[in-house]
Amino acid sequence: MKKEAQQHLEILSEIERGKPITQRSLARRLGIALGLTNLYLKRLANKGYIKLTTIPPRRIKYLLTPKGLAEKTRLTYEYLEYSVHLYRQIRLSLRETLSPLVKDGRPRLLIYGNGEAAELVFLTLRELDLEPAGLVDGEGGPPGFLRLKVWPLESLAELEFDLILVAVFGPADSAVKTLTDRGIPREKIVTLR
């Protein structure tokens, strides 16, 4: 899904909520420039997806039109389709990355992280018929995570494991440094990239 289509979906969704919004608040929410927000709103209005009213004077209110509701529905479906496709690609990539670890035996694995990446790693390991030994969380997350015991970072020295899987999206350098600073040998740390 193109970035512009995602922005349009967010704008239409925000307008549909019916709460008073300004171009400035929309720009902040979308993380884009005010001028670009103005351009998007004008495009949506020109296509008949939104209507602008000025009640009270000097205050613009945005309304979603029936045509806009249909477009929001179409964009939502497109976004869901894109998300499912992306999810499948990530799971396939994780299976390719994690399969060699399982073929080398049944190592005792810890997962480092507590977000969506950790959930995907957990599901993929279970699919490969491997039960992780637990989860190490350096962020102070919830006490339980998908049936796994969540260990605080301070417990690393007491835990028995063969490998730690760093389950974060994006660069893992910070997590690797945190673990090596805690005395974990680099060869025991596996990143997803």
Foldseek 3Di string as FASTA:
>chain_A
DDPLLVLLLVVLVVLVVVDFDDLVRSCVVSVHDSVVSVVSVVVCVVVVQWDWDQVPHPGIRIHGDPVVVVSSVVSVVVVVVVVVVVLVVVLVLLLVQCVVVVVVDQWAEEEEDADPLSVSNCVSCVVVVHHHQAYEYAPPDDCDHPNGGYDYPVCVVVDDTQAYEYRDPDDCVVVLVSVVVVVDDSVRYHYSD
